[in-house]
All heavy atoms as atom14 arrays in JSON, in Angstrom:
{
  "sequence": "LQVKIILPEGFEREMLRLMVREDRLRLEGLPGGKTETIKLPKLVK",
  "atom14_mask": [
    [1, 1, 1, 1, 1, 1, 1, 1, 0, 0, 0, 0, 0, 0],
    [1, 1, 1, 1, 1, 1, 1, 1, 1, 0, 0, 0, 0, 0],
    [1, 1, 1, 1, 1, 1, 1, 0, 0, 0, 0, 0, 0, 0],
    [1, 1, 1, 1, 1, 1, 1, 1, 1, 0, 0, 0, 0, 0],
    [1, 1, 1, 1, 1, 1, 1, 1, 0, 0, 0, 0, 0, 0],
    [1, 1, 1, 1, 1, 1, 1, 1, 0, 0, 0, 0, 0, 0],
    [1, 1, 1, 1, 1, 1, 1, 1, 0, 0, 0, 0, 0, 0],
    [1, 1, 1, 1, 1, 1, 1, 0, 0, 0, 0, 0, 0, 0],
    [1, 1, 1, 1, 1, 1, 1, 1, 1, 0, 0, 0, 0, 0],
    [1, 1, 1, 1, 0, 0, 0, 0, 0, 0, 0, 0, 0, 0],
    [1, 1, 1, 1, 1, 1, 1, 1, 1, 1, 1, 0, 0, 0],
    [1, 1, 1, 1, 1, 1, 1, 1, 1, 0, 0, 0, 0, 0],
    [1, 1, 1, 1, 1, 1, 1, 1, 1, 1, 1, 0, 0, 0],
    [1, 1, 1, 1, 1, 1, 1, 1, 1, 0, 0, 0, 0, 0],
    [1, 1, 1, 1, 1, 1, 1, 1, 0, 0, 0, 0, 0, 0],
    [1, 1, 1, 1, 1, 1, 1, 1, 0, 0, 0, 0, 0, 0],
    [1, 1, 1, 1, 1, 1, 1, 1, 1, 1, 1, 0, 0, 0],
    [1, 1, 1, 1, 1, 1, 1, 1, 0, 0, 0, 0, 0, 0],
    [1, 1, 1, 1, 1, 1, 1, 1, 0, 0, 0, 0, 0, 0],
    [1, 1, 1, 1, 1, 1, 1, 0, 0, 0, 0, 0, 0, 0],
    [1, 1, 1, 1, 1, 1, 1, 1, 1, 1, 1, 0, 0, 0],
    [1, 1, 1, 1, 1, 1, 1, 1, 1, 0, 0, 0, 0, 0],
    [1, 1, 1, 1, 1, 1, 1, 1, 0, 0, 0, 0, 0, 0],
    [1, 1, 1, 1, 1, 1, 1, 1, 1, 1, 1, 0, 0, 0],
    [1, 1, 1, 1, 1, 1, 1, 1, 0, 0, 0, 0, 0, 0],
    [1, 1, 1, 1, 1, 1, 1, 1, 1, 1, 1, 0, 0, 0],
    [1, 1, 1, 1, 1, 1, 1, 1, 0, 0, 0, 0, 0, 0],
    [1, 1, 1, 1, 1, 1, 1, 1, 1, 0, 0, 0, 0, 0],
    [1, 1, 1, 1, 0, 0, 0, 0, 0, 0, 0, 0, 0, 0],
    [1, 1, 1, 1, 1, 1, 1, 1, 0, 0, 0, 0, 0, 0],
    [1, 1, 1, 1, 1, 1, 1, 0, 0, 0, 0, 0, 0, 0],
    [1, 1, 1, 1, 0, 0, 0, 0, 0, 0, 0, 0, 0, 0],
    [1, 1, 1, 1, 0, 0, 0, 0, 0, 0, 0, 0, 0, 0],
    [1, 1, 1, 1, 1, 1, 1, 1, 1, 0, 0, 0, 0, 0],
    [1, 1, 1, 1, 1, 1, 1, 0, 0, 0, 0, 0, 0, 0],
    [1, 1, 1, 1, 1, 1, 1, 1, 1, 0, 0, 0, 0, 0],
    [1, 1, 1, 1, 1, 1, 1, 0, 0, 0, 0, 0, 0, 0],
    [1, 1, 1, 1, 1, 1, 1, 1, 0, 0, 0, 0, 0, 0],
    [1, 1, 1, 1, 1, 1, 1, 1, 1, 0, 0, 0, 0, 0],
    [1, 1, 1, 1, 1, 1, 1, 1, 0, 0, 0, 0, 0, 0],
    [1, 1, 1, 1, 1, 1, 1, 0, 0, 0, 0, 0, 0, 0],
    [1, 1, 1, 1, 1, 1, 1, 1, 1, 0, 0, 0, 0, 0],
    [1, 1, 1, 1, 1, 1, 1, 1, 0, 0, 0, 0, 0, 0],
    [1, 1, 1, 1, 1, 1, 1, 0, 0, 0, 0, 0, 0, 0],
    [1, 1, 1, 1, 1, 1, 1, 1, 1, 0, 0, 0, 0, 0]
  ],
  "atom14_positions": [
    [[-47.25, 8.08, 119.15], [-46.01, 7.3, 119.15], [-45.0, 8.14, 118.38], [-45.27, 8.59, 117.26], [-46.22, 5.96, 118.44], [-44.99, 5.09, 118.25], [-44.47, 4.61, 119.61], [-45.3, 3.91, 117.36], [0.0, 0.0, 0.0], [0.0, 0.0, 0.0], [0.0, 0.0, 0.0], [0.0, 0.0, 0.0], [0.0, 0.0, 0.0], [0.0, 0.0, 0.0]],
    [[-43.84, 8.4, 119.01], [-42.78, 9.14, 118.34], [-41.65, 8.19, 118.01], [-41.26, 7.37, 118.84], [-42.25, 10.27, 119.24], [-43.18, 11.44, 119.37], [-44.01, 11.38, 120.65], [-43.77, 10.58, 121.52], [-45.02, 12.24, 120.73], [0.0, 0.0, 0.0], [0.0, 0.0, 0.0], [0.0, 0.0, 0.0], [0.0, 0.0, 0.0], [0.0, 0.0, 0.0]],
    [[-41.14, 8.33, 116.79], [-40.05, 7.48, 116.33], [-38.92, 8.4, 115.86], [-39.16, 9.32, 115.09], [-40.49, 6.58, 115.15], [-39.37, 5.63, 114.75], [-41.76, 5.82, 115.49], [0.0, 0.0, 0.0], [0.0, 0.0, 0.0], [0.0, 0.0, 0.0], [0.0, 0.0, 0.0], [0.0, 0.0, 0.0], [0.0, 0.0, 0.0], [0.0, 0.0, 0.0]],
    [[-37.71, 8.14, 116.33], [-36.52, 8.85, 115.86], [-35.66, 7.85, 115.11], [-35.3, 6.81, 115.66], [-35.73, 9.45, 117.02], [-36.3, 10.71, 117.57], [-35.33, 11.32, 118.57], [-35.88, 12.59, 119.14], [-34.97, 13.18, 120.12], [0.0, 0.0, 0.0], [0.0, 0.0, 0.0], [0.0, 0.0, 0.0], [0.0, 0.0, 0.0], [0.0, 0.0, 0.0]],
    [[-35.35, 8.18, 113.88], [-34.55, 7.3, 113.03], [-33.29, 8.04, 112.62], [-33.37, 9.1, 111.99], [-35.34, 6.87, 111.78], [-36.68, 6.25, 112.18], [-34.51, 5.93, 110.93], [-37.67, 6.16, 111.04], [0.0, 0.0, 0.0], [0.0, 0.0, 0.0], [0.0, 0.0, 0.0], [0.0, 0.0, 0.0], [0.0, 0.0, 0.0], [0.0, 0.0, 0.0]],
    [[-32.16, 7.5, 112.98], [-30.89, 8.11, 112.57], [-30.53, 7.55, 111.21], [-30.35, 6.35, 111.04], [-29.8, 7.85, 113.61], [-30.15, 8.65, 114.84], [-28.45, 8.29, 113.11], [-30.09, 8.05, 116.1], [0.0, 0.0, 0.0], [0.0, 0.0, 0.0], [0.0, 0.0, 0.0], [0.0, 0.0, 0.0], [0.0, 0.0, 0.0], [0.0, 0.0, 0.0]],
    [[-30.48, 8.44, 110.25], [-30.24, 8.03, 108.87], [-28.75, 7.85, 108.62], [-27.93, 8.56, 109.19], [-30.82, 9.07, 107.93], [-32.34, 9.27, 108.07], [-32.79, 10.47, 107.24], [-33.09, 8.02, 107.66], [0.0, 0.0, 0.0], [0.0, 0.0, 0.0], [0.0, 0.0, 0.0], [0.0, 0.0, 0.0], [0.0, 0.0, 0.0], [0.0, 0.0, 0.0]],
    [[-28.41, 6.9, 107.74], [-26.99, 6.68, 107.43], [-26.43, 7.86, 106.64], [-27.16, 8.56, 105.94], [-27.02, 5.41, 106.6], [-28.38, 5.34, 106.02], [-29.29, 6.0, 107.01], [0.0, 0.0, 0.0], [0.0, 0.0, 0.0], [0.0, 0.0, 0.0], [0.0, 0.0, 0.0], [0.0, 0.0, 0.0], [0.0, 0.0, 0.0], [0.0, 0.0, 0.0]],
    [[-25.13, 8.06, 106.76], [-24.48, 9.13, 106.0], [-24.62, 8.84, 104.51], [-24.64, 7.7, 104.09], [-23.0, 9.21, 106.37], [-22.77, 9.93, 107.66], [-21.3, 10.27, 107.86], [-20.58, 10.48, 106.87], [-20.9, 10.33, 109.02], [0.0, 0.0, 0.0], [0.0, 0.0, 0.0], [0.0, 0.0, 0.0], [0.0, 0.0, 0.0], [0.0, 0.0, 0.0]],
    [[-24.73, 9.92, 103.77], [-24.8, 9.78, 102.32], [-26.21, 9.72, 101.77], [-26.4, 9.61, 100.56], [0.0, 0.0, 0.0], [0.0, 0.0, 0.0], [0.0, 0.0, 0.0], [0.0, 0.0, 0.0], [0.0, 0.0, 0.0], [0.0, 0.0, 0.0], [0.0, 0.0, 0.0], [0.0, 0.0, 0.0], [0.0, 0.0, 0.0], [0.0, 0.0, 0.0]],
    [[-27.24, 9.81, 102.63], [-28.6, 9.78, 102.1], [-28.89, 11.11, 101.41], [-28.32, 12.14, 101.74], [-29.63, 9.52, 103.21], [-29.91, 10.7, 104.09], [-30.95, 11.58, 103.79], [-29.15, 10.96, 105.21], [-31.21, 12.67, 104.58], [-29.4, 12.05, 106.02], [-30.44, 12.91, 105.7], [0.0, 0.0, 0.0], [0.0, 0.0, 0.0], [0.0, 0.0, 0.0]],
    [[-29.75, 11.05, 100.4], [-30.16, 12.26, 99.69], [-31.6, 12.57, 100.06], [-32.48, 11.72, 99.89], [-30.03, 12.06, 98.18], [-28.6, 11.89, 97.71], [-28.52, 11.69, 96.21], [-29.35, 12.27, 95.49], [-27.65, 10.92, 95.78], [0.0, 0.0, 0.0], [0.0, 0.0, 0.0], [0.0, 0.0, 0.0], [0.0, 0.0, 0.0], [0.0, 0.0, 0.0]],
    [[-31.84, 13.76, 100.55], [-33.17, 14.16, 101.02], [-34.23, 13.97, 99.93], [-35.33, 13.52, 100.19], [-33.1, 15.63, 101.49], [-34.42, 16.36, 101.62], [-35.22, 15.81, 102.8], [-36.51, 16.44, 102.91], [-37.63, 15.98, 102.38], [-37.63, 14.9, 101.65], [-38.77, 16.6, 102.57], [0.0, 0.0, 0.0], [0.0, 0.0, 0.0], [0.0, 0.0, 0.0]],
    [[-33.87, 14.29, 98.7], [-34.82, 14.21, 97.6], [-35.21, 12.78, 97.26], [-36.29, 12.53, 96.73], [-34.24, 14.88, 96.34], [-33.93, 16.35, 96.51], [-32.63, 16.59, 97.29], [-31.71, 15.75, 97.25], [-32.57, 17.64, 97.97], [0.0, 0.0, 0.0], [0.0, 0.0, 0.0], [0.0, 0.0, 0.0], [0.0, 0.0, 0.0], [0.0, 0.0, 0.0]],
    [[-34.34, 11.83, 97.56], [-34.61, 10.42, 97.24], [-35.35, 9.69, 98.36], [-35.93, 8.64, 98.14], [-33.28, 9.68, 96.97], [-32.5, 10.24, 95.8], [-33.37, 10.15, 94.23], [-33.41, 8.39, 93.99], [0.0, 0.0, 0.0], [0.0, 0.0, 0.0], [0.0, 0.0, 0.0], [0.0, 0.0, 0.0], [0.0, 0.0, 0.0], [0.0, 0.0, 0.0]],
    [[-35.34, 10.24, 99.55], [-35.9, 9.59, 100.73], [-37.42, 9.59, 100.69], [-38.05, 10.62, 100.43], [-35.41, 10.31, 101.98], [-35.53, 9.59, 103.3], [-34.69, 8.32, 103.29], [-35.07, 10.51, 104.42], [0.0, 0.0, 0.0], [0.0, 0.0, 0.0], [0.0, 0.0, 0.0], [0.0, 0.0, 0.0], [0.0, 0.0, 0.0], [0.0, 0.0, 0.0]],
    [[-38.02, 8.42, 100.93], [-39.48, 8.29, 101.0], [-39.82, 7.49, 102.25], [-39.17, 6.5, 102.56], [-40.02, 7.55, 99.77], [-39.88, 8.35, 98.51], [-40.52, 7.69, 97.33], [-41.96, 7.56, 97.55], [-42.71, 6.63, 96.97], [-42.17, 5.77, 96.16], [-44.0, 6.57, 97.2], [0.0, 0.0, 0.0], [0.0, 0.0, 0.0], [0.0, 0.0, 0.0]],
    [[-40.87, 7.93, 102.95], [-41.34, 7.23, 104.14], [-42.73, 6.69, 103.85], [-43.64, 7.44, 103.5], [-41.39, 8.18, 105.34], [-41.95, 7.59, 106.63], [-41.02, 6.51, 107.17], [-42.16, 8.68, 107.66], [0.0, 0.0, 0.0], [0.0, 0.0, 0.0], [0.0, 0.0, 0.0], [0.0, 0.0, 0.0], [0.0, 0.0, 0.0], [0.0, 0.0, 0.0]],
    [[-42.87, 5.39, 104.02], [-44.16, 4.72, 103.83], [-44.63, 4.27, 105.21], [-43.85, 3.69, 105.97], [-44.02, 3.52, 102.89], [-43.29, 3.85, 101.58], [-44.1, 5.1, 100.6], [-45.45, 4.18, 99.94], [0.0, 0.0, 0.0], [0.0, 0.0, 0.0], [0.0, 0.0, 0.0], [0.0, 0.0, 0.0], [0.0, 0.0, 0.0], [0.0, 0.0, 0.0]],
    [[-45.9, 4.53, 105.53], [-46.43, 4.21, 106.84], [-47.55, 3.19, 106.72], [-48.48, 3.37, 105.93], [-46.95, 5.48, 107.56], [-47.44, 5.15, 108.96], [-45.89, 6.56, 107.61], [0.0, 0.0, 0.0], [0.0, 0.0, 0.0], [0.0, 0.0, 0.0], [0.0, 0.0, 0.0], [0.0, 0.0, 0.0], [0.0, 0.0, 0.0], [0.0, 0.0, 0.0]],
    [[-47.46, 2.15, 107.5], [-48.5, 1.14, 107.62], [-48.91, 1.1, 109.09], [-48.2, 1.64, 109.93], [-47.92, -0.22, 107.19], [-48.96, -1.25, 106.85], [-48.33, -2.44, 106.18], [-47.89, -3.4, 107.19], [-47.39, -4.59, 106.92], [-47.22, -4.96, 105.67], [-47.04, -5.4, 107.88], [0.0, 0.0, 0.0], [0.0, 0.0, 0.0], [0.0, 0.0, 0.0]],
    [[-50.01, 0.51, 109.44], [-50.47, 0.54, 110.83], [-49.5, -0.12, 111.81], [-49.5, 0.2, 112.99], [-51.86, -0.07, 110.97], [-51.92, -1.54, 110.65], [-53.32, -2.11, 110.79], [-54.27, -1.33, 110.96], [-53.44, -3.34, 110.73], [0.0, 0.0, 0.0], [0.0, 0.0, 0.0], [0.0, 0.0, 0.0], [0.0, 0.0, 0.0], [0.0, 0.0, 0.0]],
    [[-48.61, -0.98, 111.32], [-47.69, -1.67, 112.22], [-46.22, -1.52, 111.85], [-45.34, -2.02, 112.53], [-48.03, -3.16, 112.29], [-47.85, -3.86, 110.96], [-47.9, -3.19, 109.91], [-47.67, -5.09, 110.96], [0.0, 0.0, 0.0], [0.0, 0.0, 0.0], [0.0, 0.0, 0.0], [0.0, 0.0, 0.0], [0.0, 0.0, 0.0], [0.0, 0.0, 0.0]],
    [[-45.92, -0.77, 110.76], [-44.54, -0.65, 110.28], [-44.29, 0.68, 109.58], [-45.21, 1.3, 109.07], [-44.22, -1.75, 109.27], [-44.33, -3.14, 109.82], [-44.0, -4.18, 108.76], [-44.41, -5.49, 109.19], [-43.76, -6.22, 110.07], [-42.66, -5.77, 110.6], [-44.19, -7.42, 110.42], [0.0, 0.0, 0.0], [0.0, 0.0, 0.0], [0.0, 0.0, 0.0]],
    [[-43.01, 1.04, 109.54], [-42.54, 2.14, 108.71], [-41.59, 1.54, 107.69], [-40.85, 0.6, 108.01], [-41.77, 3.17, 109.53], [-42.51, 3.9, 110.64], [-41.55, 4.84, 111.36], [-43.69, 4.66, 110.1], [0.0, 0.0, 0.0], [0.0, 0.0, 0.0], [0.0, 0.0, 0.0], [0.0, 0.0, 0.0], [0.0, 0.0, 0.0], [0.0, 0.0, 0.0]],
    [[-41.6, 2.06, 106.47], [-40.65, 1.6, 105.46], [-39.96, 2.83, 104.9], [-40.61, 3.76, 104.42], [-41.35, 0.82, 104.36], [-40.34, 0.2, 103.39], [-40.99, -0.71, 102.39], [-41.76, 0.1, 101.46], [-42.9, -0.3, 100.88], [-43.4, -1.47, 101.16], [-43.52, 0.49, 100.04], [0.0, 0.0, 0.0], [0.0, 0.0, 0.0], [0.0, 0.0, 0.0]],
    [[-38.64, 2.83, 104.96], [-37.82, 3.91, 104.4], [-37.26, 3.45, 103.07], [-36.61, 2.42, 102.99], [-36.67, 4.25, 105.33], [-36.97, 5.22, 106.44], [-35.81, 5.29, 107.42], [-37.29, 6.59, 105.91], [0.0, 0.0, 0.0], [0.0, 0.0, 0.0], [0.0, 0.0, 0.0], [0.0, 0.0, 0.0], [0.0, 0.0, 0.0], [0.0, 0.0, 0.0]],
    [[-37.52, 4.24, 102.04], [-37.01, 3.95, 100.71], [-36.06, 5.06, 100.3], [-36.15, 6.18, 100.8], [-38.17, 3.86, 99.71], [-39.15, 2.76, 100.04], [-40.38, 2.76, 99.12], [-40.53, 3.71, 98.33], [-41.16, 1.81, 99.2], [0.0, 0.0, 0.0], [0.0, 0.0, 0.0], [0.0, 0.0, 0.0], [0.0, 0.0, 0.0], [0.0, 0.0, 0.0]],
    [[-35.16, 4.75, 99.39], [-34.24, 5.76, 98.87], [-33.01, 5.98, 99.73], [-32.4, 7.04, 99.69], [0.0, 0.0, 0.0], [0.0, 0.0, 0.0], [0.0, 0.0, 0.0], [0.0, 0.0, 0.0], [0.0, 0.0, 0.0], [0.0, 0.0, 0.0], [0.0, 0.0, 0.0], [0.0, 0.0, 0.0], [0.0, 0.0, 0.0], [0.0, 0.0, 0.0]],
    [[-32.64, 4.97, 100.5], [-31.43, 5.07, 101.32], [-30.21, 4.83, 100.43], [-30.34, 4.33, 99.31], [-31.49, 4.03, 102.45], [-32.6, 4.26, 103.48], [-32.71, 3.09, 104.42], [-32.35, 5.54, 104.25], [0.0, 0.0, 0.0], [0.0, 0.0, 0.0], [0.0, 0.0, 0.0], [0.0, 0.0, 0.0], [0.0, 0.0, 0.0], [0.0, 0.0, 0.0]],
    [[-29.02, 5.18, 100.91], [-27.82, 4.97, 100.09], [-27.72, 3.54, 99.57], [-28.07, 2.59, 100.28], [-26.68, 5.29, 101.07], [-27.27, 6.26, 102.04], [-28.7, 5.8, 102.19], [0.0, 0.0, 0.0], [0.0, 0.0, 0.0], [0.0, 0.0, 0.0], [0.0, 0.0, 0.0], [0.0, 0.0, 0.0], [0.0, 0.0, 0.0], [0.0, 0.0, 0.0]],
    [[-27.3, 3.41, 98.35], [-27.19, 2.09, 97.73], [-28.53, 1.54, 97.28], [-28.64, 0.35, 97.0], [0.0, 0.0, 0.0], [0.0, 0.0, 0.0], [0.0, 0.0, 0.0], [0.0, 0.0, 0.0], [0.0, 0.0, 0.0], [0.0, 0.0, 0.0], [0.0, 0.0, 0.0], [0.0, 0.0, 0.0], [0.0, 0.0, 0.0], [0.0, 0.0, 0.0]],
    [[-29.56, 2.38, 97.24], [-30.88, 1.93, 96.83], [-31.56, 1.03, 97.85], [-32.49, 0.32, 97.53], [0.0, 0.0, 0.0], [0.0, 0.0, 0.0], [0.0, 0.0, 0.0], [0.0, 0.0, 0.0], [0.0, 0.0, 0.0], [0.0, 0.0, 0.0], [0.0, 0.0, 0.0], [0.0, 0.0, 0.0], [0.0, 0.0, 0.0], [0.0, 0.0, 0.0]],
    [[-31.07, 1.07, 99.08], [-31.62, 0.19, 100.12], [-32.97, 0.67, 100.61], [-33.29, 1.85, 100.56], [-30.66, 0.09, 101.3], [-29.38, -0.64, 100.96], [-28.53, -0.81, 102.18], [-27.24, -1.54, 101.82], [-26.38, -1.7, 102.95], [0.0, 0.0, 0.0], [0.0, 0.0, 0.0], [0.0, 0.0, 0.0], [0.0, 0.0, 0.0], [0.0, 0.0, 0.0]],
    [[-33.74, -0.29, 101.11], [-35.03, -0.04, 101.75], [-34.99, -0.71, 103.1], [-34.51, -1.84, 103.22], [-36.18, -0.64, 100.9], [-36.19, 0.01, 99.63], [-37.51, -0.46, 101.58], [0.0, 0.0, 0.0], [0.0, 0.0, 0.0], [0.0, 0.0, 0.0], [0.0, 0.0, 0.0], [0.0, 0.0, 0.0], [0.0, 0.0, 0.0], [0.0, 0.0, 0.0]],
    [[-35.44, -0.02, 104.13], [-35.46, -0.58, 105.48], [-36.87, -0.54, 106.04], [-37.61, 0.41, 105.82], [-34.53, 0.19, 106.41], [-33.07, 0.07, 106.07], [-32.49, -1.31, 106.29], [-33.08, -2.11, 107.06], [-31.45, -1.61, 105.71], [0.0, 0.0, 0.0], [0.0, 0.0, 0.0], [0.0, 0.0, 0.0], [0.0, 0.0, 0.0], [0.0, 0.0, 0.0]],
    [[-37.22, -1.58, 106.78], [-38.53, -1.66, 107.42], [-38.34, -1.67, 108.93], [-37.47, -2.38, 109.44], [-39.26, -2.96, 106.99], [-39.38, -2.94, 105.56], [-40.63, -3.04, 107.6], [0.0, 0.0, 0.0], [0.0, 0.0, 0.0], [0.0, 0.0, 0.0], [0.0, 0.0, 0.0], [0.0, 0.0, 0.0], [0.0, 0.0, 0.0], [0.0, 0.0, 0.0]],
    [[-39.14, -0.86, 109.61], [-39.07, -0.75, 111.07], [-40.42, -1.15, 111.64], [-41.44, -0.55, 111.31], [-38.71, 0.69, 111.49], [-37.35, 1.06, 110.92], [-38.75, 0.83, 113.0], [-37.04, 2.52, 110.97], [0.0, 0.0, 0.0], [0.0, 0.0, 0.0], [0.0, 0.0, 0.0], [0.0, 0.0, 0.0], [0.0, 0.0, 0.0], [0.0, 0.0, 0.0]],
    [[-40.41, -2.16, 112.49], [-41.65, -2.63, 113.13], [-41.98, -1.69, 114.28], [-41.14, -1.39, 115.1], [-41.47, -4.05, 113.65], [-42.74, -4.67, 114.18], [-42.5, -6.12, 114.55], [-43.74, -6.84, 114.99], [-44.56, -6.2, 115.96], [0.0, 0.0, 0.0], [0.0, 0.0, 0.0], [0.0, 0.0, 0.0], [0.0, 0.0, 0.0], [0.0, 0.0, 0.0]],
    [[-43.23, -1.24, 114.32], [-43.67, -0.32, 115.37], [-44.16, -1.1, 116.59], [-44.77, -2.17, 116.44], [-44.81, 0.57, 114.84], [-44.44, 1.47, 113.66], [-45.68, 2.18, 113.13], [-43.37, 2.46, 114.06], [0.0, 0.0, 0.0], [0.0, 0.0, 0.0], [0.0, 0.0, 0.0], [0.0, 0.0, 0.0], [0.0, 0.0, 0.0], [0.0, 0.0, 0.0]],
    [[-43.93, -0.58, 117.79], [-44.37, -1.28, 119.0], [-45.87, -1.18, 119.27], [-46.4, -1.94, 120.05], [-43.57, -0.59, 120.11], [-43.27, 0.77, 119.59], [-43.14, 0.61, 118.1], [0.0, 0.0, 0.0], [0.0, 0.0, 0.0], [0.0, 0.0, 0.0], [0.0, 0.0, 0.0], [0.0, 0.0, 0.0], [0.0, 0.0, 0.0], [0.0, 0.0, 0.0]],
    [[-46.55, -0.25, 118.62], [-48.0, -0.05, 118.77], [-48.61, 0.15, 117.4], [-47.94, 0.6, 116.48], [-48.31, 1.2, 119.61], [-47.73, 1.21, 120.98], [-48.53, 0.36, 121.91], [-47.93, 0.5, 123.3], [-48.49, -0.27, 124.29], [0.0, 0.0, 0.0], [0.0, 0.0, 0.0], [0.0, 0.0, 0.0], [0.0, 0.0, 0.0], [0.0, 0.0, 0.0]],
    [[-49.91, -0.15, 117.28], [-50.6, 0.12, 116.03], [-50.9, 1.6, 115.94], [-51.2, 2.25, 116.95], [-51.89, -0.69, 115.95], [-51.73, -2.21, 115.89], [-53.08, -2.89, 115.88], [-50.91, -2.63, 114.68], [0.0, 0.0, 0.0], [0.0, 0.0, 0.0], [0.0, 0.0, 0.0], [0.0, 0.0, 0.0], [0.0, 0.0, 0.0], [0.0, 0.0, 0.0]],
    [[-50.8, 2.15, 114.72], [-51.02, 3.58, 114.51], [-52.01, 3.8, 113.37], [-52.33, 2.88, 112.62], [-49.69, 4.31, 114.18], [-48.7, 4.19, 115.33], [-49.09, 3.8, 112.89], [0.0, 0.0, 0.0], [0.0, 0.0, 0.0], [0.0, 0.0, 0.0], [0.0, 0.0, 0.0], [0.0, 0.0, 0.0], [0.0, 0.0, 0.0], [0.0, 0.0, 0.0]],
    [[-52.46, 5.05, 113.25], [-53.29, 5.46, 112.12], [-52.33, 6.01, 111.06], [-51.77, 7.09, 111.23], [-54.28, 6.54, 112.55], [-55.31, 6.06, 113.54], [-56.25, 7.2, 113.89], [-57.35, 6.73, 114.82], [-58.29, 7.83, 115.13], [0.0, 0.0, 0.0], [0.0, 0.0, 0.0], [0.0, 0.0, 0.0], [0.0, 0.0, 0.0], [0.0, 0.0, 0.0]]
  ]
}
């Protein structure tokens, strides 16, 4: 499963963290200290 995520302007590469769960992705360290969760269409390892 390939996922392309367009990041908002102003993100800092050093602050960005990607957390992977079998059914979701969670992006931490976005501008404004935001965290976003993306539901995956298939279960993954």
